[in-house]
N, C-alpha and C. Protein backbone atom coordinates (compact mmCIF):
# COMPACT_ATOMS: atom_id res chain seq x y z
N MET A 1 -69.07 30.36 173.80
CA MET A 1 -68.11 29.64 173.71
C MET A 1 -67.44 29.10 174.92
N ARG A 2 -67.32 27.89 175.42
CA ARG A 2 -66.90 27.48 176.64
C ARG A 2 -65.22 27.68 176.81
N THR A 3 -64.72 28.44 178.01
CA THR A 3 -63.48 28.44 178.15
C THR A 3 -63.05 27.74 179.11
N ILE A 4 -61.55 27.86 179.25
CA ILE A 4 -61.05 26.85 180.39
C ILE A 4 -60.03 27.58 181.08
N SER A 5 -59.95 27.20 182.46
CA SER A 5 -58.82 28.03 183.15
C SER A 5 -57.43 27.78 183.17
N SER A 6 -56.73 28.53 183.05
CA SER A 6 -55.18 28.44 182.62
C SER A 6 -54.67 27.65 183.88
N GLY A 7 -53.55 27.08 183.53
CA GLY A 7 -53.09 26.24 184.45
C GLY A 7 -51.94 25.34 184.12
N GLU A 8 -51.28 24.71 184.72
CA GLU A 8 -49.91 24.05 184.15
C GLU A 8 -50.29 22.80 183.45
N ARG A 9 -49.64 22.78 182.21
CA ARG A 9 -49.62 21.53 181.35
C ARG A 9 -51.01 21.38 180.86
N ARG A 10 -51.74 22.62 180.48
CA ARG A 10 -52.96 22.35 179.71
C ARG A 10 -52.69 23.05 178.35
N LEU A 11 -53.13 22.16 177.60
CA LEU A 11 -53.10 22.55 176.08
C LEU A 11 -54.36 22.30 175.30
N VAL A 12 -54.54 23.26 174.25
CA VAL A 12 -55.83 22.98 173.58
C VAL A 12 -55.23 22.71 172.37
N LEU A 13 -55.95 21.73 171.88
CA LEU A 13 -55.41 20.80 170.33
C LEU A 13 -56.35 21.70 169.36
N ALA A 14 -55.57 22.38 168.66
CA ALA A 14 -56.04 23.04 167.52
C ALA A 14 -56.48 22.13 166.12
N SER A 15 -57.27 21.14 166.20
CA SER A 15 -57.44 20.30 165.15
C SER A 15 -59.18 19.83 165.44
N ASN A 16 -59.80 19.63 164.63
CA ASN A 16 -60.90 18.81 164.57
C ASN A 16 -61.15 17.46 163.88
N ASN A 17 -59.90 16.91 163.42
CA ASN A 17 -59.71 15.60 162.77
C ASN A 17 -59.98 14.47 163.81
N ARG A 18 -60.93 13.99 163.85
CA ARG A 18 -60.72 12.90 165.14
C ARG A 18 -59.69 11.78 165.07
N ALA A 19 -59.40 11.59 163.95
CA ALA A 19 -58.38 10.39 163.71
C ALA A 19 -57.02 11.13 164.09
N LYS A 20 -56.59 12.13 163.68
CA LYS A 20 -55.51 12.76 164.26
C LYS A 20 -55.33 13.07 165.53
N LEU A 21 -56.77 13.63 166.33
CA LEU A 21 -56.59 14.23 167.62
C LEU A 21 -56.35 12.78 168.36
N ALA A 22 -56.62 11.68 167.95
CA ALA A 22 -56.42 10.61 168.84
C ALA A 22 -54.90 10.20 168.97
N GLU A 23 -54.23 10.29 167.76
CA GLU A 23 -52.83 10.36 167.65
C GLU A 23 -52.16 11.00 168.70
N LEU A 24 -52.51 12.64 168.34
CA LEU A 24 -51.91 13.46 169.16
C LEU A 24 -52.24 13.18 170.54
N ARG A 25 -53.15 12.95 171.02
CA ARG A 25 -53.58 12.80 172.56
C ARG A 25 -52.86 11.37 172.91
N ALA A 26 -52.44 10.48 172.33
CA ALA A 26 -51.72 9.55 172.72
C ALA A 26 -50.37 9.81 172.78
N LEU A 27 -50.14 10.67 172.32
CA LEU A 27 -48.56 11.01 172.35
C LEU A 27 -48.44 12.16 173.56
N LEU A 28 -49.40 13.12 173.87
CA LEU A 28 -49.42 14.21 174.98
C LEU A 28 -49.61 13.54 176.39
N GLU A 29 -50.92 12.87 176.42
CA GLU A 29 -51.10 12.83 177.76
C GLU A 29 -50.15 11.88 178.63
N PRO A 30 -49.26 10.88 178.05
CA PRO A 30 -48.09 10.25 178.89
C PRO A 30 -47.39 11.33 179.88
N MET A 31 -47.24 12.48 178.97
CA MET A 31 -46.25 13.46 179.69
C MET A 31 -47.27 14.40 180.72
N GLY A 32 -48.27 14.01 181.10
CA GLY A 32 -48.98 14.88 181.86
C GLY A 32 -50.08 15.91 181.60
N ALA A 33 -49.94 15.99 180.20
CA ALA A 33 -50.75 17.21 179.71
C ALA A 33 -52.25 16.81 179.84
N CYS A 34 -52.82 18.01 180.10
CA CYS A 34 -54.64 17.93 180.24
C CYS A 34 -54.78 18.51 178.74
N VAL A 35 -55.31 17.90 177.97
CA VAL A 35 -55.49 18.03 176.68
C VAL A 35 -57.26 18.39 176.29
N HIS A 36 -57.32 19.40 175.54
CA HIS A 36 -58.55 19.98 175.36
C HIS A 36 -58.72 20.15 174.01
N VAL A 37 -59.61 19.72 173.13
CA VAL A 37 -59.97 19.89 172.08
C VAL A 37 -61.02 21.07 171.49
N GLN A 38 -60.37 21.61 170.69
CA GLN A 38 -61.04 23.13 170.31
C GLN A 38 -62.08 22.91 169.88
N GLY A 39 -62.84 22.07 169.34
CA GLY A 39 -64.21 22.08 168.97
C GLY A 39 -65.11 21.75 170.05
N ALA A 40 -64.57 21.20 171.05
CA ALA A 40 -65.48 20.87 172.46
C ALA A 40 -65.41 22.09 173.27
N LEU A 41 -64.76 23.22 172.87
CA LEU A 41 -64.68 24.35 173.42
C LEU A 41 -65.47 25.81 172.59
N GLY A 42 -65.96 25.07 171.42
CA GLY A 42 -66.98 26.03 170.76
C GLY A 42 -66.08 26.95 169.74
N ILE A 43 -64.53 26.09 169.37
CA ILE A 43 -63.81 27.02 168.74
C ILE A 43 -63.75 26.54 167.58
N GLU A 44 -64.02 27.33 166.32
CA GLU A 44 -64.17 26.97 164.93
C GLU A 44 -62.71 26.86 164.45
N SER A 45 -62.59 26.08 163.51
CA SER A 45 -61.06 25.74 162.65
C SER A 45 -60.74 26.93 162.14
N ALA A 46 -59.49 27.37 162.15
CA ALA A 46 -58.61 28.57 161.66
C ALA A 46 -58.52 28.18 159.98
N GLU A 47 -58.41 29.37 159.27
CA GLU A 47 -58.24 29.43 157.81
C GLU A 47 -56.70 28.80 157.94
N GLU A 48 -56.58 28.18 156.66
CA GLU A 48 -54.93 27.51 156.55
C GLU A 48 -54.64 27.88 155.02
N PRO A 49 -54.32 29.33 154.97
CA PRO A 49 -54.22 30.23 153.59
C PRO A 49 -52.56 29.69 153.23
N HIS A 50 -51.69 29.31 153.91
CA HIS A 50 -50.29 29.55 153.50
C HIS A 50 -49.79 28.24 153.00
N ILE A 51 -48.48 28.66 152.41
CA ILE A 51 -47.71 27.52 151.46
C ILE A 51 -47.15 26.46 152.08
N THR A 52 -46.82 26.98 153.37
CA THR A 52 -45.74 25.78 154.07
C THR A 52 -46.68 25.01 155.34
N PHE A 53 -46.30 23.89 155.50
CA PHE A 53 -47.04 23.42 156.91
C PHE A 53 -46.50 24.23 158.29
N VAL A 54 -45.23 24.83 158.37
CA VAL A 54 -45.31 25.60 159.50
C VAL A 54 -46.21 26.71 159.63
N GLU A 55 -46.22 27.44 158.70
CA GLU A 55 -46.98 28.65 158.59
C GLU A 55 -48.54 28.31 158.83
N ASN A 56 -48.94 27.22 158.62
CA ASN A 56 -50.37 26.96 158.71
C ASN A 56 -50.44 26.41 160.27
N ALA A 57 -49.53 25.54 160.54
CA ALA A 57 -49.49 25.17 162.10
C ALA A 57 -49.53 26.32 162.80
N LEU A 58 -48.81 27.26 162.44
CA LEU A 58 -48.65 28.77 163.36
C LEU A 58 -49.99 29.45 163.59
N ALA A 59 -50.52 29.13 162.26
CA ALA A 59 -52.00 30.01 162.26
C ALA A 59 -52.80 29.50 163.07
N LYS A 60 -52.91 28.16 162.88
CA LYS A 60 -53.98 27.35 163.78
C LYS A 60 -53.93 27.41 165.26
N ALA A 61 -52.59 27.32 165.70
CA ALA A 61 -52.09 27.41 167.01
C ALA A 61 -52.45 28.81 167.21
N ARG A 62 -52.14 29.88 166.96
CA ARG A 62 -52.48 31.24 167.54
C ARG A 62 -54.05 31.43 167.56
N HIS A 63 -54.75 31.14 166.72
CA HIS A 63 -56.10 30.92 166.55
C HIS A 63 -56.69 30.51 167.86
N ALA A 64 -56.28 29.13 168.12
CA ALA A 64 -56.72 28.49 169.45
C ALA A 64 -56.37 29.13 170.40
N ALA A 65 -55.21 29.79 170.92
CA ALA A 65 -54.72 30.18 171.78
C ALA A 65 -55.40 31.28 172.01
N ARG A 66 -55.48 32.30 171.12
CA ARG A 66 -56.49 33.50 171.20
C ARG A 66 -57.76 33.16 171.63
N ALA A 67 -58.50 32.07 171.17
CA ALA A 67 -59.97 31.97 171.27
C ALA A 67 -60.22 31.16 172.78
N SER A 68 -59.12 30.57 173.20
CA SER A 68 -59.18 29.95 174.71
C SER A 68 -58.54 30.82 175.63
N GLY A 69 -57.56 31.31 175.31
CA GLY A 69 -57.08 32.11 176.75
C GLY A 69 -55.84 30.92 177.02
N CYS A 70 -55.54 29.83 176.47
CA CYS A 70 -54.56 28.93 177.15
C CYS A 70 -53.62 28.63 176.03
N PRO A 71 -52.26 27.82 176.48
CA PRO A 71 -51.65 27.43 175.71
C PRO A 71 -52.14 26.70 174.41
N ALA A 72 -51.69 26.58 173.35
CA ALA A 72 -52.15 25.71 172.14
C ALA A 72 -51.12 25.14 171.41
N LEU A 73 -51.63 23.60 170.74
CA LEU A 73 -50.81 23.02 169.90
C LEU A 73 -51.56 22.71 168.66
N ALA A 74 -50.52 23.04 167.69
CA ALA A 74 -51.40 22.57 166.20
C ALA A 74 -50.40 21.87 165.46
N ASP A 75 -50.72 21.16 164.53
CA ASP A 75 -49.83 20.61 163.70
C ASP A 75 -50.47 20.44 162.08
N ASP A 76 -49.60 20.66 161.22
CA ASP A 76 -50.24 20.74 159.84
C ASP A 76 -49.37 19.50 159.06
N SER A 77 -49.80 18.58 158.50
CA SER A 77 -49.20 17.63 157.94
C SER A 77 -49.93 17.40 156.40
N GLY A 78 -48.94 16.45 155.88
CA GLY A 78 -49.46 15.95 154.67
C GLY A 78 -48.68 15.28 153.84
N LEU A 79 -49.03 14.73 152.64
CA LEU A 79 -48.16 13.85 151.93
C LEU A 79 -47.66 14.77 150.63
N CYS A 80 -46.26 14.51 150.38
CA CYS A 80 -45.56 15.07 149.70
C CYS A 80 -44.91 14.04 148.57
N CYS A 81 -45.15 13.99 147.35
CA CYS A 81 -44.71 13.22 146.21
C CYS A 81 -43.76 13.87 145.43
N HIS A 82 -42.74 12.85 145.08
CA HIS A 82 -41.42 13.66 144.21
C HIS A 82 -42.24 13.64 142.66
N ALA A 83 -42.78 13.07 142.20
CA ALA A 83 -43.07 12.92 140.89
C ALA A 83 -44.03 14.25 140.77
N LEU A 84 -44.54 14.70 141.69
CA LEU A 84 -45.82 15.92 141.57
C LEU A 84 -44.93 17.35 142.30
N GLY A 85 -43.71 17.49 142.48
CA GLY A 85 -43.35 18.36 143.03
C GLY A 85 -43.51 18.82 144.47
N GLY A 86 -43.74 17.57 145.03
CA GLY A 86 -44.15 17.83 146.46
C GLY A 86 -45.61 18.10 146.65
N ALA A 87 -46.40 18.00 145.88
CA ALA A 87 -48.08 17.92 145.95
C ALA A 87 -48.38 16.68 146.27
N PRO A 88 -49.85 16.30 147.06
CA PRO A 88 -50.23 17.34 147.37
C PRO A 88 -49.99 18.36 148.33
N GLY A 89 -49.05 18.06 149.42
CA GLY A 89 -48.60 19.12 150.14
C GLY A 89 -49.49 19.24 151.32
N VAL A 90 -49.68 20.87 151.28
CA VAL A 90 -50.26 21.28 152.51
C VAL A 90 -52.12 21.35 152.00
N ARG A 91 -52.16 20.90 150.68
CA ARG A 91 -53.38 20.64 150.19
C ARG A 91 -54.10 19.22 150.55
N SER A 92 -53.41 18.50 151.01
CA SER A 92 -53.65 17.17 151.08
C SER A 92 -54.85 16.47 151.44
N ALA A 93 -55.56 17.26 152.60
CA ALA A 93 -56.76 17.29 152.90
C ALA A 93 -58.07 17.09 151.99
N ARG A 94 -57.58 18.42 151.13
CA ARG A 94 -58.66 18.76 149.95
C ARG A 94 -58.14 18.79 148.82
N TYR A 95 -57.18 17.75 148.27
CA TYR A 95 -56.52 17.60 147.10
C TYR A 95 -57.80 17.60 145.92
N ALA A 96 -58.90 16.78 146.15
CA ALA A 96 -59.76 16.60 145.14
C ALA A 96 -60.84 17.80 145.20
N GLY A 97 -60.52 18.73 146.12
CA GLY A 97 -61.70 19.84 146.60
C GLY A 97 -62.00 20.12 148.04
N GLN A 98 -62.39 21.30 148.34
CA GLN A 98 -62.63 21.78 149.69
C GLN A 98 -63.06 20.75 150.80
N HIS A 99 -64.04 19.91 150.06
CA HIS A 99 -64.72 19.00 151.12
C HIS A 99 -64.51 17.56 150.69
N ALA A 100 -63.35 17.23 150.36
CA ALA A 100 -63.37 15.85 149.52
C ALA A 100 -63.03 15.01 150.65
N THR A 101 -63.28 13.64 150.46
CA THR A 101 -63.26 12.54 151.39
C THR A 101 -61.97 12.21 151.05
N ASP A 102 -61.64 10.96 152.19
CA ASP A 102 -60.02 10.15 151.90
C ASP A 102 -60.23 9.50 150.47
N ALA A 103 -61.19 8.69 150.00
CA ALA A 103 -61.35 8.20 149.15
C ALA A 103 -61.27 9.14 147.92
N GLU A 104 -61.89 10.04 147.98
CA GLU A 104 -61.76 11.16 146.70
C GLU A 104 -60.42 11.80 146.57
N ASN A 105 -59.70 12.03 147.48
CA ASN A 105 -58.48 12.42 147.51
C ASN A 105 -57.36 11.63 147.07
N ASN A 106 -57.37 10.16 147.41
CA ASN A 106 -56.79 8.99 146.88
C ASN A 106 -56.91 9.10 145.45
N ALA A 107 -58.37 9.12 145.15
CA ALA A 107 -58.64 9.01 143.58
C ALA A 107 -57.74 9.74 142.88
N ALA A 108 -58.00 10.99 143.36
CA ALA A 108 -57.39 12.03 142.65
C ALA A 108 -55.57 11.80 142.30
N LEU A 109 -55.04 11.76 143.84
CA LEU A 109 -53.63 11.31 143.85
C LEU A 109 -52.95 9.99 142.61
N LEU A 110 -53.97 9.11 142.57
CA LEU A 110 -53.69 8.10 141.44
C LEU A 110 -53.63 8.65 140.25
N ARG A 111 -54.66 9.42 139.91
CA ARG A 111 -54.88 9.90 138.71
C ARG A 111 -53.75 10.70 138.24
N ARG A 112 -53.06 11.54 138.95
CA ARG A 112 -52.16 12.31 138.73
C ARG A 112 -50.70 11.52 138.70
N LEU A 113 -50.93 10.57 139.33
CA LEU A 113 -49.71 9.38 139.27
C LEU A 113 -49.77 8.64 138.05
N ALA A 114 -50.66 8.63 137.48
CA ALA A 114 -51.00 7.33 136.24
C ALA A 114 -49.75 7.83 135.49
N GLY A 115 -49.14 6.41 135.35
CA GLY A 115 -48.19 6.49 133.89
C GLY A 115 -46.98 6.56 134.69
N SER A 116 -46.69 7.32 135.84
CA SER A 116 -45.01 7.52 136.33
C SER A 116 -44.64 6.29 137.22
N THR A 117 -43.41 6.43 137.06
CA THR A 117 -42.70 5.21 137.62
C THR A 117 -42.18 5.79 138.96
N GLU A 118 -41.96 7.00 139.19
CA GLU A 118 -41.63 7.54 140.27
C GLU A 118 -42.71 7.75 141.37
N ARG A 119 -42.61 6.82 142.26
CA ARG A 119 -43.67 6.60 143.28
C ARG A 119 -43.27 6.67 144.66
N ARG A 120 -41.90 7.45 144.57
CA ARG A 120 -41.59 7.85 146.12
C ARG A 120 -42.26 8.88 146.77
N ALA A 121 -42.44 8.98 148.00
CA ALA A 121 -43.40 9.99 148.68
C ALA A 121 -43.15 10.08 149.99
N HIS A 122 -43.41 11.02 150.65
CA HIS A 122 -43.15 10.86 152.25
C HIS A 122 -44.22 11.91 152.86
N TYR A 123 -44.68 11.56 154.23
CA TYR A 123 -45.24 12.24 154.89
C TYR A 123 -44.56 13.44 155.57
N HIS A 124 -45.02 14.43 155.59
CA HIS A 124 -44.35 15.89 156.65
C HIS A 124 -45.26 15.97 157.69
N CYS A 125 -44.83 16.41 158.63
CA CYS A 125 -45.63 16.87 159.62
C CYS A 125 -44.81 18.33 160.43
N ALA A 126 -45.45 19.42 160.57
CA ALA A 126 -44.84 20.55 161.53
C ALA A 126 -45.72 20.65 162.62
N VAL A 127 -45.34 20.58 163.89
CA VAL A 127 -46.07 20.73 165.24
C VAL A 127 -45.55 22.30 165.82
N VAL A 128 -46.46 22.95 166.25
CA VAL A 128 -46.36 24.15 166.71
C VAL A 128 -47.01 24.26 167.96
N ALA A 129 -46.48 24.70 169.24
CA ALA A 129 -46.91 25.18 170.57
C ALA A 129 -46.71 26.56 170.72
N LEU A 130 -47.68 27.14 171.44
CA LEU A 130 -47.47 28.52 171.84
C LEU A 130 -47.97 28.55 173.20
N ARG A 131 -47.36 29.51 173.95
CA ARG A 131 -47.95 29.85 175.54
C ARG A 131 -49.08 30.59 175.41
N ALA A 132 -49.15 31.43 174.31
CA ALA A 132 -50.24 32.53 174.07
C ALA A 132 -50.32 32.81 172.81
N ALA A 133 -51.15 33.37 172.25
CA ALA A 133 -51.37 33.66 170.75
C ALA A 133 -50.32 34.91 170.44
N ASP A 134 -49.91 35.51 171.35
CA ASP A 134 -48.88 36.54 170.93
C ASP A 134 -47.45 36.13 171.41
N ASP A 135 -47.20 34.78 171.71
CA ASP A 135 -46.04 34.12 172.06
C ASP A 135 -44.78 34.27 171.19
N PRO A 136 -43.75 35.08 171.30
CA PRO A 136 -42.84 35.62 170.61
C PRO A 136 -41.69 34.16 170.21
N GLU A 137 -41.87 33.22 170.88
CA GLU A 137 -40.81 32.06 170.98
C GLU A 137 -41.86 30.75 170.77
N PRO A 138 -42.56 30.70 169.61
CA PRO A 138 -43.26 29.23 169.35
C PRO A 138 -42.34 27.98 169.38
N LEU A 139 -42.45 26.88 169.93
CA LEU A 139 -42.06 25.82 169.85
C LEU A 139 -42.27 25.27 168.34
N ILE A 140 -41.37 24.72 167.57
CA ILE A 140 -41.48 24.13 166.22
C ILE A 140 -40.95 22.95 166.26
N ALA A 141 -41.47 22.09 165.81
CA ALA A 141 -41.02 20.86 165.71
C ALA A 141 -41.35 19.93 164.25
N GLU A 142 -40.52 19.05 163.77
CA GLU A 142 -41.08 18.61 162.30
C GLU A 142 -40.60 17.02 162.03
N GLY A 143 -41.39 16.48 161.49
CA GLY A 143 -40.95 15.06 161.41
C GLY A 143 -41.26 14.74 159.71
N ARG A 144 -40.86 13.55 159.41
CA ARG A 144 -40.79 13.18 158.08
C ARG A 144 -40.90 11.50 158.16
N TRP A 145 -41.87 10.80 157.25
CA TRP A 145 -41.86 9.56 156.72
C TRP A 145 -41.71 9.05 155.59
N ASP A 146 -40.73 8.48 155.00
CA ASP A 146 -40.63 8.03 153.57
C ASP A 146 -41.34 6.55 153.54
N GLY A 147 -41.68 6.64 152.11
CA GLY A 147 -42.40 5.63 151.62
C GLY A 147 -42.70 5.80 150.18
N GLU A 148 -43.68 5.12 149.70
CA GLU A 148 -44.08 5.00 148.37
C GLU A 148 -45.62 4.65 147.93
N ILE A 149 -46.00 5.10 146.84
CA ILE A 149 -47.30 5.04 146.77
C ILE A 149 -47.63 3.93 145.72
N VAL A 150 -48.46 3.05 146.25
CA VAL A 150 -48.93 1.97 145.43
C VAL A 150 -50.24 2.13 145.10
N GLU A 151 -50.68 1.32 143.94
CA GLU A 151 -51.75 1.43 143.15
C GLU A 151 -52.80 1.03 144.01
N THR A 152 -52.84 -0.04 144.64
CA THR A 152 -54.10 -0.90 145.52
C THR A 152 -54.08 -0.62 146.88
N ALA A 153 -55.26 -0.08 147.26
CA ALA A 153 -55.50 0.07 148.56
C ALA A 153 -55.11 -1.23 149.44
N GLN A 154 -54.46 -1.00 150.43
CA GLN A 154 -54.23 -2.19 151.50
C GLN A 154 -54.60 -1.68 152.67
N GLY A 155 -55.42 -2.33 153.55
CA GLY A 155 -55.30 -2.02 155.00
C GLY A 155 -56.54 -1.46 155.39
N ARG A 156 -57.23 -1.26 156.55
CA ARG A 156 -58.37 -0.50 156.86
C ARG A 156 -57.95 0.67 158.16
N GLY A 157 -56.76 0.63 158.60
CA GLY A 157 -56.31 1.56 159.72
C GLY A 157 -56.23 3.08 158.92
N GLY A 158 -55.59 3.79 160.22
CA GLY A 158 -55.36 5.31 159.69
C GLY A 158 -56.12 5.85 159.12
N PHE A 159 -55.83 6.79 158.16
CA PHE A 159 -56.66 7.81 157.63
C PHE A 159 -55.86 8.42 156.39
N GLY A 160 -56.61 9.34 155.64
CA GLY A 160 -56.08 9.99 154.65
C GLY A 160 -55.43 9.05 153.35
N TYR A 161 -54.14 9.10 153.09
CA TYR A 161 -53.38 8.53 152.11
C TYR A 161 -52.89 6.86 152.59
N ASP A 162 -53.08 6.71 153.76
CA ASP A 162 -52.49 5.49 154.57
C ASP A 162 -52.48 4.23 153.70
N PRO A 163 -53.61 3.94 153.23
CA PRO A 163 -53.90 2.85 152.42
C PRO A 163 -53.24 2.50 151.36
N HIS A 164 -52.43 3.89 150.86
CA HIS A 164 -51.57 3.52 149.64
C HIS A 164 -50.18 4.06 149.83
N PHE A 165 -50.08 4.05 151.09
CA PHE A 165 -48.50 4.50 151.61
C PHE A 165 -47.76 3.14 151.95
N TRP A 166 -47.02 2.68 151.15
CA TRP A 166 -46.20 1.53 151.25
C TRP A 166 -44.80 1.93 152.12
N ILE A 167 -44.54 1.10 153.21
CA ILE A 167 -43.49 1.11 153.89
C ILE A 167 -42.55 -0.10 153.59
N ALA A 168 -41.57 0.24 152.88
CA ALA A 168 -40.73 -1.12 152.23
C ALA A 168 -40.27 -1.80 153.40
N ALA A 169 -39.58 -0.95 154.46
CA ALA A 169 -38.96 -1.81 155.45
C ALA A 169 -40.02 -2.69 156.36
N LEU A 170 -40.84 -2.64 156.31
CA LEU A 170 -42.07 -3.44 156.99
C LEU A 170 -42.97 -4.30 156.26
N GLY A 171 -42.87 -3.74 154.78
CA GLY A 171 -43.51 -4.86 154.19
C GLY A 171 -45.24 -4.64 154.20
N CYS A 172 -45.77 -3.51 154.28
CA CYS A 172 -47.11 -2.97 154.38
C CYS A 172 -47.38 -1.78 154.45
N THR A 173 -48.34 -1.40 154.24
CA THR A 173 -48.82 0.14 154.20
C THR A 173 -49.25 0.71 155.74
N ALA A 174 -49.31 2.18 155.58
CA ALA A 174 -49.85 2.63 156.73
C ALA A 174 -51.04 2.34 157.30
N ALA A 175 -51.71 1.89 156.57
CA ALA A 175 -53.04 1.65 157.08
C ALA A 175 -53.24 0.01 157.41
N GLN A 176 -52.08 -0.49 157.33
CA GLN A 176 -51.94 -2.10 157.90
C GLN A 176 -51.38 -2.19 159.24
N LEU A 177 -50.79 -1.02 159.98
CA LEU A 177 -50.17 -0.90 161.33
C LEU A 177 -51.48 -0.56 162.10
N ASP A 178 -51.08 -1.20 163.33
CA ASP A 178 -51.90 -0.77 164.46
C ASP A 178 -51.56 0.53 165.24
N ALA A 179 -52.58 1.13 165.96
CA ALA A 179 -52.41 2.66 166.14
C ALA A 179 -51.23 2.72 167.09
N ALA A 180 -50.78 1.70 167.69
CA ALA A 180 -49.26 1.60 168.48
C ALA A 180 -48.27 1.93 167.83
N GLN A 181 -48.31 0.68 166.58
CA GLN A 181 -46.98 0.92 165.57
C GLN A 181 -46.97 2.30 165.34
N LYS A 182 -48.18 2.73 164.45
CA LYS A 182 -48.19 3.83 163.83
C LYS A 182 -47.69 5.15 164.80
N ASN A 183 -47.97 5.23 165.80
CA ASN A 183 -47.50 6.22 166.77
C ASN A 183 -46.13 6.23 167.26
N HIS A 184 -45.55 5.10 166.84
CA HIS A 184 -44.01 4.93 167.29
C HIS A 184 -43.18 5.36 166.12
N ILE A 185 -43.87 5.48 164.89
CA ILE A 185 -42.73 5.52 163.67
C ILE A 185 -43.10 6.68 162.61
N SER A 186 -44.37 7.20 162.82
CA SER A 186 -44.78 7.89 161.82
C SER A 186 -44.35 9.31 161.96
N HIS A 187 -44.48 9.88 160.88
CA HIS A 187 -43.94 11.85 160.71
C HIS A 187 -44.67 12.41 161.95
N ARG A 188 -45.72 12.13 162.08
CA ARG A 188 -46.31 12.83 163.37
C ARG A 188 -45.58 12.44 164.80
N ALA A 189 -45.54 11.19 164.75
CA ALA A 189 -44.82 10.59 166.09
C ALA A 189 -43.37 11.04 166.40
N VAL A 190 -42.54 11.24 165.36
CA VAL A 190 -41.32 12.03 165.15
C VAL A 190 -41.56 13.32 165.75
N ALA A 191 -42.33 13.91 164.93
CA ALA A 191 -42.39 15.57 165.47
C ALA A 191 -42.95 15.41 166.79
N MET A 192 -43.87 14.88 167.24
CA MET A 192 -44.23 14.90 168.66
C MET A 192 -43.14 14.63 169.58
N ARG A 193 -42.40 13.49 169.38
CA ARG A 193 -41.23 13.26 170.29
C ARG A 193 -40.38 14.39 170.44
N ALA A 194 -39.88 14.93 169.39
CA ALA A 194 -39.20 16.32 169.23
C ALA A 194 -39.81 17.51 169.97
N MET A 195 -41.49 17.46 169.89
CA MET A 195 -41.96 18.57 170.48
C MET A 195 -42.12 18.39 172.08
N VAL A 196 -42.29 17.24 172.54
CA VAL A 196 -42.27 16.47 173.78
C VAL A 196 -41.08 17.14 174.59
N ALA A 197 -40.00 16.75 173.73
CA ALA A 197 -38.65 17.34 174.30
C ALA A 197 -38.20 18.60 174.57
N LEU A 198 -38.81 19.51 173.63
CA LEU A 198 -39.01 21.04 173.49
C LEU A 198 -39.49 21.46 174.72
N LEU A 199 -40.94 20.92 175.21
CA LEU A 199 -42.01 21.18 175.97
C LEU A 199 -41.15 21.09 177.49
N ARG A 200 -40.50 19.83 177.59
CA ARG A 200 -39.72 19.63 178.90
C ARG A 200 -38.77 20.72 178.99
N GLU A 201 -37.90 20.83 178.14
CA GLU A 201 -36.57 21.77 177.91
C GLU A 201 -37.10 23.22 178.23
N ARG A 202 -38.14 23.75 177.26
CA ARG A 202 -38.18 25.15 177.21
C ARG A 202 -39.39 25.29 178.33
N TRP A 203 -40.43 24.79 178.47
CA TRP A 203 -41.54 25.13 179.20
C TRP A 203 -41.42 24.40 180.86
N GLY A 204 -40.45 23.43 180.87
CA GLY A 204 -40.53 22.99 182.21
C GLY A 204 -41.44 21.78 182.49
N TRP A 205 -42.05 21.20 181.39
CA TRP A 205 -42.95 20.36 181.62
C TRP A 205 -42.33 18.96 181.86
């Protein structure tokens, strides 16, 4: 496993999702953070056994901080549908099975919503930053993005459930937004803006 030296404004991102990493990097690097991806350091993904986004984000950040010896940041996010009692929730990435593709997860979601007129949904994101694995004061920020699920996929951008996540105020799905637009209004953008403020206030960044 390759390690990195400790230093000011260094962060290990505890994710191996390329699309998510691109979003996080775009939001972190303008504040001068030197961002390292856990996979590039030989750090395996952490288990995500918990039932809440915050607990899973904490578990991932602790794992990356312990393995790298550096501050770490992790997010856990997913889609919550009103008609399904908040599902898929923390199981969003594996709703159709442990190694399901986005297409398979979307198909599973549409099957479970079949016949329902309640299509309201929201994306939720919890972001956690730790100075070290045993940091007693984790920084925690959350964000939410409201929309509804449409039957027909629209757009080629984004990932996950974005082609079916309709934003009424914009008249399009999340997959029809360009990266800059999405990085400004998404659940992850809301959570990361709050996290950036915490990093500046609490860590002096």
